[in-house]
Amino acid sequence: MLAAERDRIRQVTLRVPDHLLREVRRTASRRRISLNALLRELLERLADEDRQAILRQAYDVLGADEDVSVDGFAAAQREVVRRG
């Protein structure tokens, strides 16, 4: 995917109960960020957690296979951990 395609901003419509919207707006206000910024941050965090879970699962599958050596991945894994 090209960077221009990945970074294109899209508008979406979200339907939430009034009580949840009030609470999320209060959260954004306490953090001194816009509601849009808060929701984008939460969506990015959720997507990142999902990617990490998929990678952990794939690594576990490889690690469980006796015919596959995951030793070569150790350096890459250290680099990922180092970068945070």
PDB file of N, CA and C in Angstrom:
ATOM      1  N   MET A   1       0.838  -1.173   0.000  1.00  0.00           N
ATOM      2  CA  MET A   1       0.000   0.000   0.000  1.00  0.00           C
ATOM      3  C   MET A   1       0.887   1.241   0.000  1.00  0.00           C
ATOM      4  N   LEU A   2       0.571   2.197  -0.826  1.00  0.00           N
ATOM      5  CA  LEU A   2       1.326   3.435  -0.892  1.00  0.00           C
ATOM      6  C   LEU A   2       1.050   4.285   0.337  1.00  0.00           C
ATOM      7  N   ALA A   3       2.062   5.063   0.749  1.00  0.00           N
ATOM      8  CA  ALA A   3       1.908   5.912   1.935  1.00  0.00           C
ATOM      9  C   ALA A   3       0.752   6.882   1.766  1.00  0.00           C
ATOM     10  N   ALA A   4       0.571   7.421   0.569  1.00  0.00           N
ATOM     11  CA  ALA A   4      -0.522   8.368   0.335  1.00  0.00           C
ATOM     12  C   ALA A   4      -1.880   7.703   0.551  1.00  0.00           C
ATOM     13  N   GLU A   5      -2.015   6.457   0.153  1.00  0.00           N
ATOM     14  CA  GLU A   5      -3.267   5.732   0.377  1.00  0.00           C
ATOM     15  C   GLU A   5      -3.462   5.428   1.846  1.00  0.00           C
ATOM     16  N   ARG A   6      -2.393   5.036   2.524  1.00  0.00           N
ATOM     17  CA  ARG A   6      -2.478   4.665   3.931  1.00  0.00           C
ATOM     18  C   ARG A   6      -2.824   5.863   4.798  1.00  0.00           C
ATOM     19  N   ASP A   7      -2.314   7.034   4.447  1.00  0.00           N
ATOM     20  CA  ASP A   7      -2.474   8.213   5.279  1.00  0.00           C
ATOM     21  C   ASP A   7      -3.669   9.082   4.896  1.00  0.00           C
ATOM     22  N   ARG A   8      -4.436   8.668   3.918  1.00  0.00           N
ATOM     23  CA  ARG A   8      -5.613   9.442   3.532  1.00  0.00           C
ATOM     24  C   ARG A   8      -6.615   9.420   4.680  1.00  0.00           C
ATOM     25  N   ILE A   9      -7.158  10.568   5.009  1.00  0.00           N
ATOM     26  CA  ILE A   9      -8.106  10.692   6.113  1.00  0.00           C
ATOM     27  C   ILE A   9      -9.515  10.458   5.594  1.00  0.00           C
ATOM     28  N   ARG A  10     -10.243   9.616   6.290  1.00  0.00           N
ATOM     29  CA  ARG A  10     -11.634   9.320   5.947  1.00  0.00           C
ATOM     30  C   ARG A  10     -12.537   9.708   7.108  1.00  0.00           C
ATOM     31  N   GLN A  11     -13.715  10.128   6.793  1.00  0.00           N
ATOM     32  CA  GLN A  11     -14.706  10.456   7.804  1.00  0.00           C
ATOM     33  C   GLN A  11     -15.652   9.270   7.961  1.00  0.00           C
ATOM     34  N   VAL A  12     -15.972   8.932   9.208  1.00  0.00           N
ATOM     35  CA  VAL A  12     -16.899   7.838   9.479  1.00  0.00           C
ATOM     36  C   VAL A  12     -18.001   8.327  10.404  1.00  0.00           C
ATOM     37  N   THR A  13     -19.100   7.630  10.392  1.00  0.00           N
ATOM     38  CA  THR A  13     -20.203   7.925  11.297  1.00  0.00           C
ATOM     39  C   THR A  13     -20.223   6.843  12.354  1.00  0.00           C
ATOM     40  N   LEU A  14     -20.345   7.267  13.592  1.00  0.00           N
ATOM     41  CA  LEU A  14     -20.336   6.339  14.714  1.00  0.00           C
ATOM     42  C   LEU A  14     -21.592   6.558  15.537  1.00  0.00           C
ATOM     43  N   ARG A  15     -22.297   5.508  15.843  1.00  0.00           N
ATOM     44  CA  ARG A  15     -23.505   5.611  16.666  1.00  0.00           C
ATOM     45  C   ARG A  15     -23.210   5.010  18.036  1.00  0.00           C
ATOM     46  N   VAL A  16     -23.351   5.831  19.066  1.00  0.00           N
ATOM     47  CA  VAL A  16     -23.127   5.382  20.439  1.00  0.00           C
ATOM     48  C   VAL A  16     -24.238   5.933  21.326  1.00  0.00           C
ATOM     49  N   PRO A  17     -24.513   5.259  22.423  1.00  0.00           N
ATOM     50  CA  PRO A  17     -25.515   5.772  23.356  1.00  0.00           C
ATOM     51  C   PRO A  17     -25.070   7.119  23.940  1.00  0.00           C
ATOM     52  N   ASP A  18     -26.047   7.957  24.280  1.00  0.00           N
ATOM     53  CA  ASP A  18     -25.744   9.280  24.827  1.00  0.00           C
ATOM     54  C   ASP A  18     -24.824   9.222  26.033  1.00  0.00           C
ATOM     55  N   HIS A  19     -25.080   8.282  26.950  1.00  0.00           N
ATOM     56  CA  HIS A  19     -24.270   8.227  28.165  1.00  0.00           C
ATOM     57  C   HIS A  19     -22.798   7.924  27.849  1.00  0.00           C
ATOM     58  N   LEU A  20     -22.564   7.078  26.855  1.00  0.00           N
ATOM     59  CA  LEU A  20     -21.189   6.760  26.472  1.00  0.00           C
ATOM     60  C   LEU A  20     -20.522   7.964  25.813  1.00  0.00           C
ATOM     61  N   LEU A  21     -21.247   8.664  24.963  1.00  0.00           N
ATOM     62  CA  LEU A  21     -20.690   9.845  24.310  1.00  0.00           C
ATOM     63  C   LEU A  21     -20.316  10.902  25.345  1.00  0.00           C
ATOM     64  N   ARG A  22     -21.179  11.117  26.337  1.00  0.00           N
ATOM     65  CA  ARG A  22     -20.862  12.089  27.387  1.00  0.00           C
ATOM     66  C   ARG A  22     -19.583  11.689  28.126  1.00  0.00           C
ATOM     67  N   GLU A  23     -19.471  10.419  28.464  1.00  0.00           N
ATOM     68  CA  GLU A  23     -18.307   9.939  29.200  1.00  0.00           C
ATOM     69  C   GLU A  23     -17.027  10.076  28.368  1.00  0.00           C
ATOM     70  N   VAL A  24     -17.106   9.738  27.109  1.00  0.00           N
ATOM     71  CA  VAL A  24     -15.929   9.821  26.235  1.00  0.00           C
ATOM     72  C   VAL A  24     -15.529  11.287  26.030  1.00  0.00           C
ATOM     73  N   ARG A  25     -16.510  12.161  25.908  1.00  0.00           N
ATOM     74  CA  ARG A  25     -16.196  13.591  25.796  1.00  0.00           C
ATOM     75  C   ARG A  25     -15.516  14.100  27.061  1.00  0.00           C
ATOM     76  N   ARG A  26     -15.981  13.647  28.222  1.00  0.00           N
ATOM     77  CA  ARG A  26     -15.330  14.039  29.476  1.00  0.00           C
ATOM     78  C   ARG A  26     -13.898  13.525  29.522  1.00  0.00           C
ATOM     79  N   THR A  27     -13.708  12.304  29.067  1.00  0.00           N
ATOM     80  CA  THR A  27     -12.353  11.740  29.033  1.00  0.00           C
ATOM     81  C   THR A  27     -11.449  12.570  28.135  1.00  0.00           C
ATOM     82  N   ALA A  28     -11.937  12.919  26.956  1.00  0.00           N
ATOM     83  CA  ALA A  28     -11.149  13.747  26.031  1.00  0.00           C
ATOM     84  C   ALA A  28     -10.841  15.101  26.669  1.00  0.00           C
ATOM     85  N   SER A  29     -11.815  15.670  27.326  1.00  0.00           N
ATOM     86  CA  SER A  29     -11.616  16.969  27.967  1.00  0.00           C
ATOM     87  C   SER A  29     -10.559  16.886  29.072  1.00  0.00           C
ATOM     88  N   ARG A  30     -10.625  15.840  29.890  1.00  0.00           N
ATOM     89  CA  ARG A  30      -9.627  15.663  30.947  1.00  0.00           C
ATOM     90  C   ARG A  30      -8.224  15.517  30.378  1.00  0.00           C
ATOM     91  N   ARG A  31      -8.137  14.874  29.239  1.00  0.00           N
ATOM     92  CA  ARG A  31      -6.828  14.683  28.593  1.00  0.00           C
ATOM     93  C   ARG A  31      -6.412  15.893  27.760  1.00  0.00           C
ATOM     94  N   ARG A  32      -7.317  16.853  27.649  1.00  0.00           N
ATOM     95  CA  ARG A  32      -7.088  18.078  26.872  1.00  0.00           C
ATOM     96  C   ARG A  32      -6.790  17.774  25.404  1.00  0.00           C
ATOM     97  N   ILE A  33      -7.573  16.835  24.858  1.00  0.00           N
ATOM     98  CA  ILE A  33      -7.488  16.536  23.435  1.00  0.00           C
ATOM     99  C   ILE A  33      -8.907  16.500  22.877  1.00  0.00           C
ATOM    100  N   SER A  34      -9.014  16.574  21.581  1.00  0.00           N
ATOM    101  CA  SER A  34     -10.334  16.541  20.950  1.00  0.00           C
ATOM    102  C   SER A  34     -10.920  15.130  21.015  1.00  0.00           C
ATOM    103  N   LEU A  35     -12.223  15.072  20.879  1.00  0.00           N
ATOM    104  CA  LEU A  35     -12.892  13.774  20.822  1.00  0.00           C
ATOM    105  C   LEU A  35     -12.350  12.966  19.649  1.00  0.00           C
ATOM    106  N   ASN A  36     -12.139  13.620  18.522  1.00  0.00           N
ATOM    107  CA  ASN A  36     -11.594  12.958  17.344  1.00  0.00           C
ATOM    108  C   ASN A  36     -10.223  12.358  17.630  1.00  0.00           C
ATOM    109  N   ALA A  37      -9.352  13.138  18.284  1.00  0.00           N
ATOM    110  CA  ALA A  37      -8.002  12.651  18.593  1.00  0.00           C
ATOM    111  C   ALA A  37      -8.055  11.470  19.553  1.00  0.00           C
ATOM    112  N   LEU A  38      -8.946  11.535  20.542  1.00  0.00           N
ATOM    113  CA  LEU A  38      -9.077  10.437  21.502  1.00  0.00           C
ATOM    114  C   LEU A  38      -9.541   9.163  20.804  1.00  0.00           C
ATOM    115  N   LEU A  39     -10.556   9.272  19.980  1.00  0.00           N
ATOM    116  CA  LEU A  39     -11.068   8.083  19.291  1.00  0.00           C
ATOM    117  C   LEU A  39     -10.034   7.509  18.329  1.00  0.00           C
ATOM    118  N   ARG A  40      -9.310   8.382  17.633  1.00  0.00           N
ATOM    119  CA  ARG A  40      -8.267   7.897  16.717  1.00  0.00           C
ATOM    120  C   ARG A  40      -7.166   7.172  17.495  1.00  0.00           C
ATOM    121  N   GLU A  41      -6.773   7.748  18.652  1.00  0.00           N
ATOM    122  CA  GLU A  41      -5.755   7.114  19.497  1.00  0.00           C
ATOM    123  C   GLU A  41      -6.216   5.735  19.964  1.00  0.00           C
ATOM    124  N   LEU A  42      -7.464   5.646  20.389  1.00  0.00           N
ATOM    125  CA  LEU A  42      -7.986   4.361  20.862  1.00  0.00           C
ATOM    126  C   LEU A  42      -8.065   3.335  19.734  1.00  0.00           C
ATOM    127  N   LEU A  43      -8.479   3.775  18.551  1.00  0.00           N
ATOM    128  CA  LEU A  43      -8.546   2.861  17.410  1.00  0.00           C
ATOM    129  C   LEU A  43      -7.156   2.392  16.996  1.00  0.00           C
ATOM    130  N   GLU A  44      -6.184   3.297  17.014  1.00  0.00           N
ATOM    131  CA  GLU A  44      -4.807   2.914  16.689  1.00  0.00           C
ATOM    132  C   GLU A  44      -4.279   1.911  17.710  1.00  0.00           C
ATOM    133  N   ARG A  45      -4.565   2.139  18.978  1.00  0.00           N
ATOM    134  CA  ARG A  45      -4.123   1.224  20.036  1.00  0.00           C
ATOM    135  C   ARG A  45      -4.765  -0.152  19.858  1.00  0.00           C
ATOM    136  N   LEU A  46      -6.061  -0.179  19.562  1.00  0.00           N
ATOM    137  CA  LEU A  46      -6.761  -1.449  19.352  1.00  0.00           C
ATOM    138  C   LEU A  46      -6.176  -2.201  18.159  1.00  0.00           C
ATOM    139  N   ALA A  47      -5.928  -1.490  17.059  1.00  0.00           N
ATOM    140  CA  ALA A  47      -5.357  -2.134  15.874  1.00  0.00           C
ATOM    141  C   ALA A  47      -3.957  -2.667  16.171  1.00  0.00           C
ATOM    142  N   ASP A  48      -3.162  -1.904  16.923  1.00  0.00           N
ATOM    143  CA  ASP A  48      -1.812  -2.336  17.279  1.00  0.00           C
ATOM    144  C   ASP A  48      -1.855  -3.570  18.179  1.00  0.00           C
ATOM    145  N   GLU A  49      -2.751  -3.571  19.162  1.00  0.00           N
ATOM    146  CA  GLU A  49      -2.882  -4.736  20.038  1.00  0.00           C
ATOM    147  C   GLU A  49      -3.280  -5.968  19.240  1.00  0.00           C
ATOM    148  N   ASP A  50      -4.164  -5.784  18.267  1.00  0.00           N
ATOM    149  CA  ASP A  50      -4.593  -6.906  17.432  1.00  0.00           C
ATOM    150  C   ASP A  50      -3.438  -7.439  16.592  1.00  0.00           C
ATOM    151  N   ARG A  51      -2.648  -6.528  15.988  1.00  0.00           N
ATOM    152  CA  ARG A  51      -1.477  -6.955  15.207  1.00  0.00           C
ATOM    153  C   ARG A  51      -0.497  -7.722  16.083  1.00  0.00           C
ATOM    154  N   GLN A  52      -0.257  -7.217  17.298  1.00  0.00           N
ATOM    155  CA  GLN A  52       0.665  -7.887  18.203  1.00  0.00           C
ATOM    156  C   GLN A  52       0.158  -9.269  18.591  1.00  0.00           C
ATOM    157  N   ALA A  53      -1.136  -9.393  18.835  1.00  0.00           N
ATOM    158  CA  ALA A  53      -1.709 -10.695  19.187  1.00  0.00           C
ATOM    159  C   ALA A  53      -1.556 -11.686  18.033  1.00  0.00           C
ATOM    160  N   ILE A  54      -1.764 -11.221  16.817  1.00  0.00           N
ATOM    161  CA  ILE A  54      -1.617 -12.094  15.640  1.00  0.00           C
ATOM    162  C   ILE A  54      -0.163 -12.549  15.509  1.00  0.00           C
ATOM    163  N   LEU A  55       0.774 -11.629  15.693  1.00  0.00           N
ATOM    164  CA  LEU A  55       2.187 -11.991  15.606  1.00  0.00           C
ATOM    165  C   LEU A  55       2.581 -12.972  16.709  1.00  0.00           C
ATOM    166  N   ARG A  56       2.096 -12.730  17.945  1.00  0.00           N
ATOM    167  CA  ARG A  56       2.399 -13.662  19.041  1.00  0.00           C
ATOM    168  C   ARG A  56       1.851 -15.055  18.734  1.00  0.00           C
ATOM    169  N   GLN A  57       0.631 -15.095  18.217  1.00  0.00           N
ATOM    170  CA  GLN A  57       0.025 -16.384  17.892  1.00  0.00           C
ATOM    171  C   GLN A  57       0.833 -17.106  16.805  1.00  0.00           C
ATOM    172  N   ALA A  58       1.234 -16.378  15.772  1.00  0.00           N
ATOM    173  CA  ALA A  58       2.028 -16.992  14.701  1.00  0.00           C
ATOM    174  C   ALA A  58       3.367 -17.477  15.235  1.00  0.00           C
ATOM    175  N   TYR A  59       3.991 -16.697  16.101  1.00  0.00           N
ATOM    176  CA  TYR A  59       5.272 -17.087  16.689  1.00  0.00           C
ATOM    177  C   TYR A  59       5.102 -18.330  17.557  1.00  0.00           C
ATOM    178  N   ASP A  60       3.995 -18.386  18.318  1.00  0.00           N
ATOM    179  CA  ASP A  60       3.725 -19.559  19.142  1.00  0.00           C
ATOM    180  C   ASP A  60       3.529 -20.814  18.292  1.00  0.00           C
ATOM    181  N   VAL A  61       2.847 -20.654  17.161  1.00  0.00           N
ATOM    182  CA  VAL A  61       2.641 -21.796  16.260  1.00  0.00           C
ATOM    183  C   VAL A  61       3.983 -22.282  15.729  1.00  0.00           C
ATOM    184  N   LEU A  62       4.830 -21.344  15.321  1.00  0.00           N
ATOM    185  CA  LEU A  62       6.156 -21.733  14.838  1.00  0.00           C
ATOM    186  C   LEU A  62       6.970 -22.395  15.944  1.00  0.00           C
ATOM    187  N   GLY A  63       6.899 -21.829  17.143  1.00  0.00           N
ATOM    188  CA  GLY A  63       7.662 -22.371  18.264  1.00  0.00           C
ATOM    189  C   GLY A  63       7.209 -23.756  18.676  1.00  0.00           C
ATOM    190  N   ALA A  64       5.935 -24.073  18.449  1.00  0.00           N
ATOM    191  CA  ALA A  64       5.401 -25.376  18.834  1.00  0.00           C
ATOM    192  C   ALA A  64       5.741 -26.469  17.818  1.00  0.00           C
ATOM    193  N   ASP A  65       6.125 -26.067  16.616  1.00  0.00           N
ATOM    194  CA  ASP A  65       6.452 -27.033  15.562  1.00  0.00           C
ATOM    195  C   ASP A  65       7.890 -27.500  15.765  1.00  0.00           C
ATOM    196  N   GLU A  66       8.054 -28.773  16.065  1.00  0.00           N
ATOM    197  CA  GLU A  66       9.380 -29.328  16.342  1.00  0.00           C
ATOM    198  C   GLU A  66      10.296 -29.301  15.132  1.00  0.00           C
ATOM    199  N   ASP A  67       9.731 -29.205  13.943  1.00  0.00           N
ATOM    200  CA  ASP A  67      10.532 -29.205  12.722  1.00  0.00           C
ATOM    201  C   ASP A  67      10.995 -27.796  12.321  1.00  0.00           C
ATOM    202  N   VAL A  68      10.568 -26.790  13.059  1.00  0.00           N
ATOM    203  CA  VAL A  68      10.910 -25.407  12.728  1.00  0.00           C
ATOM    204  C   VAL A  68      11.769 -24.830  13.842  1.00  0.00           C
ATOM    205  N   SER A  69      12.862 -24.194  13.452  1.00  0.00           N
ATOM    206  CA  SER A  69      13.719 -23.526  14.428  1.00  0.00           C
ATOM    207  C   SER A  69      13.399 -22.032  14.424  1.00  0.00           C
ATOM    208  N   VAL A  70      13.054 -21.524  15.593  1.00  0.00           N
ATOM    209  CA  VAL A  70      12.749 -20.096  15.705  1.00  0.00           C
ATOM    210  C   VAL A  70      13.949 -19.309  16.216  1.00  0.00           C
ATOM    211  N   ASP A  71      15.083 -19.976  16.365  1.00  0.00           N
ATOM    212  CA  ASP A  71      16.272 -19.305  16.878  1.00  0.00           C
ATOM    213  C   ASP A  71      16.662 -18.096  16.028  1.00  0.00           C
ATOM    214  N   GLY A  72      16.445 -18.179  14.728  1.00  0.00           N
ATOM    215  CA  GLY A  72      16.788 -17.076  13.837  1.00  0.00           C
ATOM    216  C   GLY A  72      15.952 -15.830  14.064  1.00  0.00           C
ATOM    217  N   PHE A  73      14.819 -15.990  14.727  1.00  0.00           N
ATOM    218  CA  PHE A  73      13.949 -14.847  14.985  1.00  0.00           C
ATOM    219  C   PHE A  73      14.333 -14.098  16.259  1.00  0.00           C
ATOM    220  N   ALA A  74      15.206 -14.654  17.054  1.00  0.00           N
ATOM    221  CA  ALA A  74      15.546 -14.059  18.350  1.00  0.00           C
ATOM    222  C   ALA A  74      16.109 -12.647  18.192  1.00  0.00           C
ATOM    223  N   ALA A  75      17.004 -12.445  17.239  1.00  0.00           N
ATOM    224  CA  ALA A  75      17.596 -11.111  17.045  1.00  0.00           C
ATOM    225  C   ALA A  75      16.528 -10.112  16.619  1.00  0.00           C
ATOM    226  N   ALA A  76      15.651 -10.512  15.729  1.00  0.00           N
ATOM    227  CA  ALA A  76      14.570  -9.615  15.285  1.00  0.00           C
ATOM    228  C   ALA A  76      13.637  -9.297  16.442  1.00  0.00           C
ATOM    229  N   GLN A  77      13.342 -10.294  17.241  1.00  0.00           N
ATOM    230  CA  GLN A  77      12.456 -10.077  18.384  1.00  0.00           C
ATOM    231  C   GLN A  77      13.098  -9.121  19.394  1.00  0.00           C
ATOM    232  N   ARG A  78      14.379  -9.258  19.637  1.00  0.00           N
ATOM    233  CA  ARG A  78      15.091  -8.342  20.539  1.00  0.00           C
ATOM    234  C   ARG A  78      15.013  -6.908  20.009  1.00  0.00           C
ATOM    235  N   GLU A  79      15.160  -6.744  18.701  1.00  0.00           N
ATOM    236  CA  GLU A  79      15.102  -5.419  18.105  1.00  0.00           C
ATOM    237  C   GLU A  79      13.710  -4.802  18.269  1.00  0.00           C
ATOM    238  N   VAL A  80      12.687  -5.599  18.090  1.00  0.00           N
ATOM    239  CA  VAL A  80      11.321  -5.108  18.280  1.00  0.00           C
ATOM    240  C   VAL A  80      11.102  -4.678  19.714  1.00  0.00           C
ATOM    241  N   VAL A  81      11.537  -5.470  20.650  1.00  0.00           N
ATOM    242  CA  VAL A  81      11.396  -5.138  22.066  1.00  0.00           C
ATOM    243  C   VAL A  81      12.196  -3.888  22.400  1.00  0.00           C
ATOM    244  N   ARG A  82      13.396  -3.781  21.848  1.00  0.00           N
ATOM    245  CA  ARG A  82      14.240  -2.619  22.105  1.00  0.00           C
ATOM    246  C   ARG A  82      13.583  -1.330  21.612  1.00  0.00           C
ATOM    247  N   ARG A  83      12.952  -1.397  20.472  1.00  0.00           N
ATOM    248  CA  ARG A  83      12.314  -0.207  19.881  1.00  0.00           C
ATOM    249  C   ARG A  83      11.009   0.132  20.570  1.00  0.00           C
ATOM    250  N   GLY A  84      10.449  -0.856  21.280  1.00  0.00           N
ATOM    251  CA  GLY A  84       9.212  -0.606  22.035  1.00  0.00           C
ATOM    252  C   GLY A  84       8.049  -0.676  21.164  1.00  0.00           C
TER     253      GLY A  84
END
